[in-house]
């Protein structure tokens, strides 16, 4: 379950993470905990970092591309 999604303009979400102090920080399986911006801050606040396995054929970019295609067909 997701409580919210936030778009941020900065290069990294560190300021946002420090501000909202999430209980869980989730990243894709192409990252290690050491590479995840904000992982230390989340853990220091008692939260946890989850790395989801990648599944071939499924990606955020793929979903966005499909939505763009669907949107164009509606015009």
PDB file of N, CA and C in Angstrom:
ATOM      1  N   UNK A   1       0.842  -1.160   0.000  1.00  0.00           N
ATOM      2  CA  UNK A   1       0.000   0.000   0.000  1.00  0.00           C
ATOM      3  C   UNK A   1       0.901   1.240   0.000  1.00  0.00           C
ATOM      4  N   UNK A   2       0.492   2.236  -0.732  1.00  0.00           N
ATOM      5  CA  UNK A   2       1.227   3.493  -0.820  1.00  0.00           C
ATOM      6  C   UNK A   2       0.358   4.591  -0.220  1.00  0.00           C
ATOM      7  N   UNK A   3       0.936   5.345   0.723  1.00  0.00           N
ATOM      8  CA  UNK A   3       0.200   6.452   1.337  1.00  0.00           C
ATOM      9  C   UNK A   3       0.242   7.710   0.496  1.00  0.00           C
ATOM     10  N   UNK A   4       1.278   7.846  -0.323  1.00  0.00           N
ATOM     11  CA  UNK A   4       1.371   9.050  -1.130  1.00  0.00           C
ATOM     12  C   UNK A   4       2.546   8.997  -2.081  1.00  0.00           C
ATOM     13  N   UNK A   5       2.456   9.795  -3.119  1.00  0.00           N
ATOM     14  CA  UNK A   5       3.533   9.930  -4.089  1.00  0.00           C
ATOM     15  C   UNK A   5       3.844  11.415  -4.192  1.00  0.00           C
ATOM     16  N   UNK A   6       5.133  11.750  -4.156  1.00  0.00           N
ATOM     17  CA  UNK A   6       5.535  13.154  -4.179  1.00  0.00           C
ATOM     18  C   UNK A   6       6.525  13.376  -5.311  1.00  0.00           C
ATOM     19  N   UNK A   7       6.265  14.392  -6.115  1.00  0.00           N
ATOM     20  CA  UNK A   7       7.187  14.790  -7.169  1.00  0.00           C
ATOM     21  C   UNK A   7       8.126  15.843  -6.583  1.00  0.00           C
ATOM     22  N   UNK A   8       9.412  15.704  -6.862  1.00  0.00           N
ATOM     23  CA  UNK A   8      10.370  16.685  -6.348  1.00  0.00           C
ATOM     24  C   UNK A   8      11.220  17.211  -7.488  1.00  0.00           C
ATOM     25  N   UNK A   9      11.668  18.447  -7.348  1.00  0.00           N
ATOM     26  CA  UNK A   9      12.417  19.131  -8.405  1.00  0.00           C
ATOM     27  C   UNK A   9      13.938  19.033  -8.227  1.00  0.00           C
ATOM     28  N   UNK A  10      14.401  18.660  -7.049  1.00  0.00           N
ATOM     29  CA  UNK A  10      15.829  18.602  -6.772  1.00  0.00           C
ATOM     30  C   UNK A  10      16.463  17.410  -7.499  1.00  0.00           C
ATOM     31  N   UNK A  11      17.788  17.396  -7.547  1.00  0.00           N
ATOM     32  CA  UNK A  11      18.512  16.291  -8.194  1.00  0.00           C
ATOM     33  C   UNK A  11      18.339  14.979  -7.439  1.00  0.00           C
ATOM     34  N   UNK A  12      18.197  15.055  -6.125  1.00  0.00           N
ATOM     35  CA  UNK A  12      17.989  13.861  -5.306  1.00  0.00           C
ATOM     36  C   UNK A  12      16.836  14.124  -4.341  1.00  0.00           C
ATOM     37  N   UNK A  13      16.241  13.067  -3.782  1.00  0.00           N
ATOM     38  CA  UNK A  13      15.123  13.254  -2.856  1.00  0.00           C
ATOM     39  C   UNK A  13      15.555  13.439  -1.401  1.00  0.00           C
ATOM     40  N   UNK A  14      16.830  13.700  -1.145  1.00  0.00           N
ATOM     41  CA  UNK A  14      17.326  13.752   0.229  1.00  0.00           C
ATOM     42  C   UNK A  14      16.576  14.769   1.088  1.00  0.00           C
ATOM     43  N   UNK A  15      16.376  15.976   0.581  1.00  0.00           N
ATOM     44  CA  UNK A  15      15.671  17.012   1.347  1.00  0.00           C
ATOM     45  C   UNK A  15      14.237  16.561   1.662  1.00  0.00           C
ATOM     46  N   UNK A  16      13.591  15.985   0.684  1.00  0.00           N
ATOM     47  CA  UNK A  16      12.227  15.478   0.875  1.00  0.00           C
ATOM     48  C   UNK A  16      12.191  14.353   1.907  1.00  0.00           C
ATOM     49  N   UNK A  17      13.123  13.426   1.810  1.00  0.00           N
ATOM     50  CA  UNK A  17      13.202  12.308   2.759  1.00  0.00           C
ATOM     51  C   UNK A  17      13.409  12.830   4.171  1.00  0.00           C
ATOM     52  N   UNK A  18      14.310  13.791   4.329  1.00  0.00           N
ATOM     53  CA  UNK A  18      14.545  14.370   5.648  1.00  0.00           C
ATOM     54  C   UNK A  18      13.316  15.104   6.173  1.00  0.00           C
ATOM     55  N   UNK A  19      12.518  15.646   5.269  1.00  0.00           N
ATOM     56  CA  UNK A  19      11.333  16.392   5.663  1.00  0.00           C
ATOM     57  C   UNK A  19      10.180  15.476   6.088  1.00  0.00           C
ATOM     58  N   UNK A  20       9.907  14.447   5.291  1.00  0.00           N
ATOM     59  CA  UNK A  20       8.735  13.611   5.590  1.00  0.00           C
ATOM     60  C   UNK A  20       9.055  12.380   6.433  1.00  0.00           C
ATOM     61  N   UNK A  21      10.334  12.027   6.539  1.00  0.00           N
ATOM     62  CA  UNK A  21      10.770  10.892   7.361  1.00  0.00           C
ATOM     63  C   UNK A  21       9.913   9.639   7.123  1.00  0.00           C
ATOM     64  N   UNK A  22      10.022   9.063   5.919  1.00  0.00           N
ATOM     65  CA  UNK A  22       9.197   7.894   5.604  1.00  0.00           C
ATOM     66  C   UNK A  22       9.569   6.677   6.445  1.00  0.00           C
ATOM     67  N   UNK A  23       8.577   5.817   6.676  1.00  0.00           N
ATOM     68  CA  UNK A  23       8.818   4.555   7.381  1.00  0.00           C
ATOM     69  C   UNK A  23       9.509   3.555   6.470  1.00  0.00           C
ATOM     70  N   UNK A  24       9.227   3.655   5.172  1.00  0.00           N
ATOM     71  CA  UNK A  24       9.789   2.722   4.194  1.00  0.00           C
ATOM     72  C   UNK A  24      10.247   3.505   2.967  1.00  0.00           C
ATOM     73  N   UNK A  25      11.446   3.180   2.500  1.00  0.00           N
ATOM     74  CA  UNK A  25      11.984   3.749   1.273  1.00  0.00           C
ATOM     75  C   UNK A  25      12.196   2.584   0.310  1.00  0.00           C
ATOM     76  N   UNK A  26      11.578   2.651  -0.864  1.00  0.00           N
ATOM     77  CA  UNK A  26      11.628   1.542  -1.816  1.00  0.00           C
ATOM     78  C   UNK A  26      12.364   1.973  -3.080  1.00  0.00           C
ATOM     79  N   UNK A  27      13.269   1.114  -3.535  1.00  0.00           N
ATOM     80  CA  UNK A  27      13.985   1.347  -4.791  1.00  0.00           C
ATOM     81  C   UNK A  27      14.003   0.047  -5.579  1.00  0.00           C
ATOM     82  N   UNK A  28      14.338   0.168  -6.859  1.00  0.00           N
ATOM     83  CA  UNK A  28      14.418  -1.003  -7.723  1.00  0.00           C
ATOM     84  C   UNK A  28      15.681  -1.812  -7.478  1.00  0.00           C
ATOM     85  N   UNK A  29      15.651  -3.050  -7.930  1.00  0.00           N
ATOM     86  CA  UNK A  29      16.728  -4.003  -7.705  1.00  0.00           C
ATOM     87  C   UNK A  29      18.032  -3.684  -8.386  1.00  0.00           C
ATOM     88  N   UNK A  30      18.080  -2.623  -9.166  1.00  0.00           N
ATOM     89  CA  UNK A  30      19.336  -2.237  -9.794  1.00  0.00           C
ATOM     90  C   UNK A  30      20.163  -1.321  -8.888  1.00  0.00           C
ATOM     91  N   UNK A  31      19.739  -1.167  -7.640  1.00  0.00           N
ATOM     92  CA  UNK A  31      20.457  -0.377  -6.646  1.00  0.00           C
ATOM     93  C   UNK A  31      20.920  -1.267  -5.502  1.00  0.00           C
ATOM     94  N   UNK A  32      21.964  -0.820  -4.803  1.00  0.00           N
ATOM     95  CA  UNK A  32      22.345  -1.415  -3.524  1.00  0.00           C
ATOM     96  C   UNK A  32      21.984  -0.399  -2.447  1.00  0.00           C
ATOM     97  N   UNK A  33      21.872  -0.838  -1.217  1.00  0.00           N
ATOM     98  CA  UNK A  33      21.524   0.078  -0.124  1.00  0.00           C
ATOM     99  C   UNK A  33      22.519   1.229  -0.056  1.00  0.00           C
ATOM    100  N   UNK A  34      23.784   0.943  -0.308  1.00  0.00           N
ATOM    101  CA  UNK A  34      24.816   1.980  -0.250  1.00  0.00           C
ATOM    102  C   UNK A  34      24.625   3.060  -1.305  1.00  0.00           C
ATOM    103  N   UNK A  35      23.957   2.740  -2.404  1.00  0.00           N
ATOM    104  CA  UNK A  35      23.752   3.695  -3.494  1.00  0.00           C
ATOM    105  C   UNK A  35      22.467   4.509  -3.345  1.00  0.00           C
ATOM    106  N   UNK A  36      21.607   4.146  -2.429  1.00  0.00           N
ATOM    107  CA  UNK A  36      20.296   4.780  -2.320  1.00  0.00           C
ATOM    108  C   UNK A  36      20.384   6.055  -1.485  1.00  0.00           C
ATOM    109  N   UNK A  37      20.085   7.174  -2.131  1.00  0.00           N
ATOM    110  CA  UNK A  37      20.067   8.467  -1.445  1.00  0.00           C
ATOM    111  C   UNK A  37      18.981   8.442  -0.373  1.00  0.00           C
ATOM    112  N   UNK A  38      19.346   8.777   0.844  1.00  0.00           N
ATOM    113  CA  UNK A  38      18.393   8.833   1.942  1.00  0.00           C
ATOM    114  C   UNK A  38      18.256   7.551   2.738  1.00  0.00           C
ATOM    115  N   UNK A  39      18.903   6.480   2.299  1.00  0.00           N
ATOM    116  CA  UNK A  39      18.786   5.195   3.000  1.00  0.00           C
ATOM    117  C   UNK A  39      19.256   5.311   4.453  1.00  0.00           C
ATOM    118  N   UNK A  40      20.392   5.935   4.661  1.00  0.00           N
ATOM    119  CA  UNK A  40      20.904   6.084   6.031  1.00  0.00           C
ATOM    120  C   UNK A  40      19.956   6.891   6.900  1.00  0.00           C
ATOM    121  N   UNK A  41      19.414   7.960   6.333  1.00  0.00           N
ATOM    122  CA  UNK A  41      18.500   8.817   7.089  1.00  0.00           C
ATOM    123  C   UNK A  41      17.231   8.056   7.471  1.00  0.00           C
ATOM    124  N   UNK A  42      16.695   7.284   6.557  1.00  0.00           N
ATOM    125  CA  UNK A  42      15.492   6.500   6.845  1.00  0.00           C
ATOM    126  C   UNK A  42      15.775   5.494   7.954  1.00  0.00           C
ATOM    127  N   UNK A  43      16.902   4.791   7.847  1.00  0.00           N
ATOM    128  CA  UNK A  43      17.250   3.789   8.867  1.00  0.00           C
ATOM    129  C   UNK A  43      17.506   4.440  10.225  1.00  0.00           C
ATOM    130  N   UNK A  44      18.155   5.608  10.238  1.00  0.00           N
ATOM    131  CA  UNK A  44      18.416   6.303  11.500  1.00  0.00           C
ATOM    132  C   UNK A  44      17.123   6.739  12.185  1.00  0.00           C
ATOM    133  N   UNK A  45      16.063   6.969  11.396  1.00  0.00           N
ATOM    134  CA  UNK A  45      14.758   7.354  11.947  1.00  0.00           C
ATOM    135  C   UNK A  45      13.891   6.142  12.274  1.00  0.00           C
ATOM    136  N   UNK A  46      14.481   4.945  12.214  1.00  0.00           N
ATOM    137  CA  UNK A  46      13.745   3.737  12.560  1.00  0.00           C
ATOM    138  C   UNK A  46      12.995   3.104  11.403  1.00  0.00           C
ATOM    139  N   UNK A  47      13.167   3.639  10.202  1.00  0.00           N
ATOM    140  CA  UNK A  47      12.502   3.081   9.027  1.00  0.00           C
ATOM    141  C   UNK A  47      13.334   1.978   8.400  1.00  0.00           C
ATOM    142  N   UNK A  48      12.845   1.488   7.262  1.00  0.00           N
ATOM    143  CA  UNK A  48      13.580   0.432   6.574  1.00  0.00           C
ATOM    144  C   UNK A  48      13.653   0.741   5.077  1.00  0.00           C
ATOM    145  N   UNK A  49      14.660   0.164   4.455  1.00  0.00           N
ATOM    146  CA  UNK A  49      14.887   0.332   3.024  1.00  0.00           C
ATOM    147  C   UNK A  49      14.585  -1.001   2.357  1.00  0.00           C
ATOM    148  N   UNK A  50      13.736  -0.966   1.328  1.00  0.00           N
ATOM    149  CA  UNK A  50      13.345  -2.170   0.604  1.00  0.00           C
ATOM    150  C   UNK A  50      13.831  -2.049  -0.831  1.00  0.00           C
ATOM    151  N   UNK A  51      14.500  -3.088  -1.301  1.00  0.00           N
ATOM    152  CA  UNK A  51      14.938  -3.134  -2.692  1.00  0.00           C
ATOM    153  C   UNK A  51      14.102  -4.195  -3.398  1.00  0.00           C
ATOM    154  N   UNK A  52      13.263  -3.744  -4.337  1.00  0.00           N
ATOM    155  CA  UNK A  52      12.403  -4.653  -5.086  1.00  0.00           C
ATOM    156  C   UNK A  52      13.161  -5.274  -6.246  1.00  0.00           C
ATOM    157  N   UNK A  53      12.932  -6.543  -6.474  1.00  0.00           N
ATOM    158  CA  UNK A  53      13.529  -7.218  -7.622  1.00  0.00           C
ATOM    159  C   UNK A  53      12.958  -6.641  -8.908  1.00  0.00           C
ATOM    160  N   UNK A  54      13.794  -6.596  -9.930  1.00  0.00           N
ATOM    161  CA  UNK A  54      13.334  -6.141 -11.233  1.00  0.00           C
ATOM    162  C   UNK A  54      12.645  -7.298 -11.941  1.00  0.00           C
ATOM    163  N   UNK A  55      11.607  -6.986 -12.701  1.00  0.00           N
ATOM    164  CA  UNK A  55      10.879  -7.990 -13.473  1.00  0.00           C
ATOM    165  C   UNK A  55      10.953  -7.574 -14.933  1.00  0.00           C
ATOM    166  N   UNK A  56      11.495  -8.451 -15.778  1.00  0.00           N
ATOM    167  CA  UNK A  56      11.622  -8.145 -17.201  1.00  0.00           C
ATOM    168  C   UNK A  56      10.278  -7.741 -17.787  1.00  0.00           C
ATOM    169  N   UNK A  57      10.300  -6.670 -18.563  1.00  0.00           N
ATOM    170  CA  UNK A  57       9.096  -6.209 -19.233  1.00  0.00           C
ATOM    171  C   UNK A  57       8.261  -5.235 -18.419  1.00  0.00           C
ATOM    172  N   UNK A  58       8.636  -4.982 -17.166  1.00  0.00           N
ATOM    173  CA  UNK A  58       7.896  -4.048 -16.315  1.00  0.00           C
ATOM    174  C   UNK A  58       8.841  -2.967 -15.816  1.00  0.00           C
ATOM    175  N   UNK A  59       8.481  -1.712 -16.060  1.00  0.00           N
ATOM    176  CA  UNK A  59       9.291  -0.590 -15.593  1.00  0.00           C
ATOM    177  C   UNK A  59       8.434   0.662 -15.534  1.00  0.00           C
ATOM    178  N   UNK A  60       8.864   1.622 -14.764  1.00  0.00           N
ATOM    179  CA  UNK A  60       8.170   2.905 -14.707  1.00  0.00           C
ATOM    180  C   UNK A  60       8.176   3.557 -16.080  1.00  0.00           C
ATOM    181  N   UNK A  61       9.314   3.496 -16.757  1.00  0.00           N
ATOM    182  CA  UNK A  61       9.422   4.086 -18.090  1.00  0.00           C
ATOM    183  C   UNK A  61       8.443   3.423 -19.045  1.00  0.00           C
ATOM    184  N   UNK A  62       8.317   2.102 -18.970  1.00  0.00           N
ATOM    185  CA  UNK A  62       7.375   1.380 -19.823  1.00  0.00           C
ATOM    186  C   UNK A  62       5.935   1.792 -19.569  1.00  0.00           C
ATOM    187  N   UNK A  63       5.582   1.983 -18.309  1.00  0.00           N
ATOM    188  CA  UNK A  63       4.225   2.415 -17.956  1.00  0.00           C
ATOM    189  C   UNK A  63       3.958   3.812 -18.511  1.00  0.00           C
ATOM    190  N   UNK A  64       4.918   4.710 -18.341  1.00  0.00           N
ATOM    191  CA  UNK A  64       4.765   6.082 -18.848  1.00  0.00           C
ATOM    192  C   UNK A  64       4.624   6.073 -20.367  1.00  0.00           C
ATOM    193  N   UNK A  65       5.453   5.290 -21.050  1.00  0.00           N
ATOM    194  CA  UNK A  65       5.374   5.210 -22.513  1.00  0.00           C
ATOM    195  C   UNK A  65       4.011   4.687 -22.958  1.00  0.00           C
ATOM    196  N   UNK A  66       3.485   3.684 -22.266  1.00  0.00           N
ATOM    197  CA  UNK A  66       2.172   3.144 -22.614  1.00  0.00           C
ATOM    198  C   UNK A  66       1.078   4.192 -22.402  1.00  0.00           C
ATOM    199  N   UNK A  67       1.164   4.927 -21.301  1.00  0.00           N
ATOM    200  CA  UNK A  67       0.177   5.976 -21.035  1.00  0.00           C
ATOM    201  C   UNK A  67       0.223   7.062 -22.107  1.00  0.00           C
ATOM    202  N   UNK A  68       1.416   7.413 -22.548  1.00  0.00           N
ATOM    203  CA  UNK A  68       1.542   8.424 -23.609  1.00  0.00           C
ATOM    204  C   UNK A  68       0.880   7.937 -24.891  1.00  0.00           C
ATOM    205  N   UNK A  69       1.071   6.659 -25.220  1.00  0.00           N
ATOM    206  CA  UNK A  69       0.469   6.076 -26.408  1.00  0.00           C
ATOM    207  C   UNK A  69      -1.052   6.081 -26.289  1.00  0.00           C
ATOM    208  N   UNK A  70      -1.565   5.683 -25.125  1.00  0.00           N
ATOM    209  CA  UNK A  70      -3.014   5.677 -24.920  1.00  0.00           C
ATOM    210  C   UNK A  70      -3.581   7.085 -25.009  1.00  0.00           C
ATOM    211  N   UNK A  71      -2.875   8.047 -24.443  1.00  0.00           N
ATOM    212  CA  UNK A  71      -3.325   9.431 -24.462  1.00  0.00           C
ATOM    213  C   UNK A  71      -3.379   9.979 -25.887  1.00  0.00           C
ATOM    214  N   UNK A  72      -2.412   9.625 -26.718  1.00  0.00           N
ATOM    215  CA  UNK A  72      -2.396  10.096 -28.104  1.00  0.00           C
ATOM    216  C   UNK A  72      -3.565   9.514 -28.881  1.00  0.00           C
ATOM    217  N   UNK A  73      -3.932   8.284 -28.594  1.00  0.00           N
ATOM    218  CA  UNK A  73      -5.029   7.657 -29.339  1.00  0.00           C
ATOM    219  C   UNK A  73      -6.369   8.258 -28.965  1.00  0.00           C
ATOM    220  N   UNK A  74      -6.451   8.925 -27.816  1.00  0.00           N
ATOM    221  CA  UNK A  74      -7.694   9.568 -27.374  1.00  0.00           C
ATOM    222  C   UNK A  74      -7.903  10.933 -28.037  1.00  0.00           C
ATOM    223  N   UNK A  75      -6.852  11.474 -28.647  1.00  0.00           N
ATOM    224  CA  UNK A  75      -6.943  12.831 -29.193  1.00  0.00           C
ATOM    225  C   UNK A  75      -7.517  12.833 -30.589  1.00  0.00           C
TER     226      UNK A  75
END
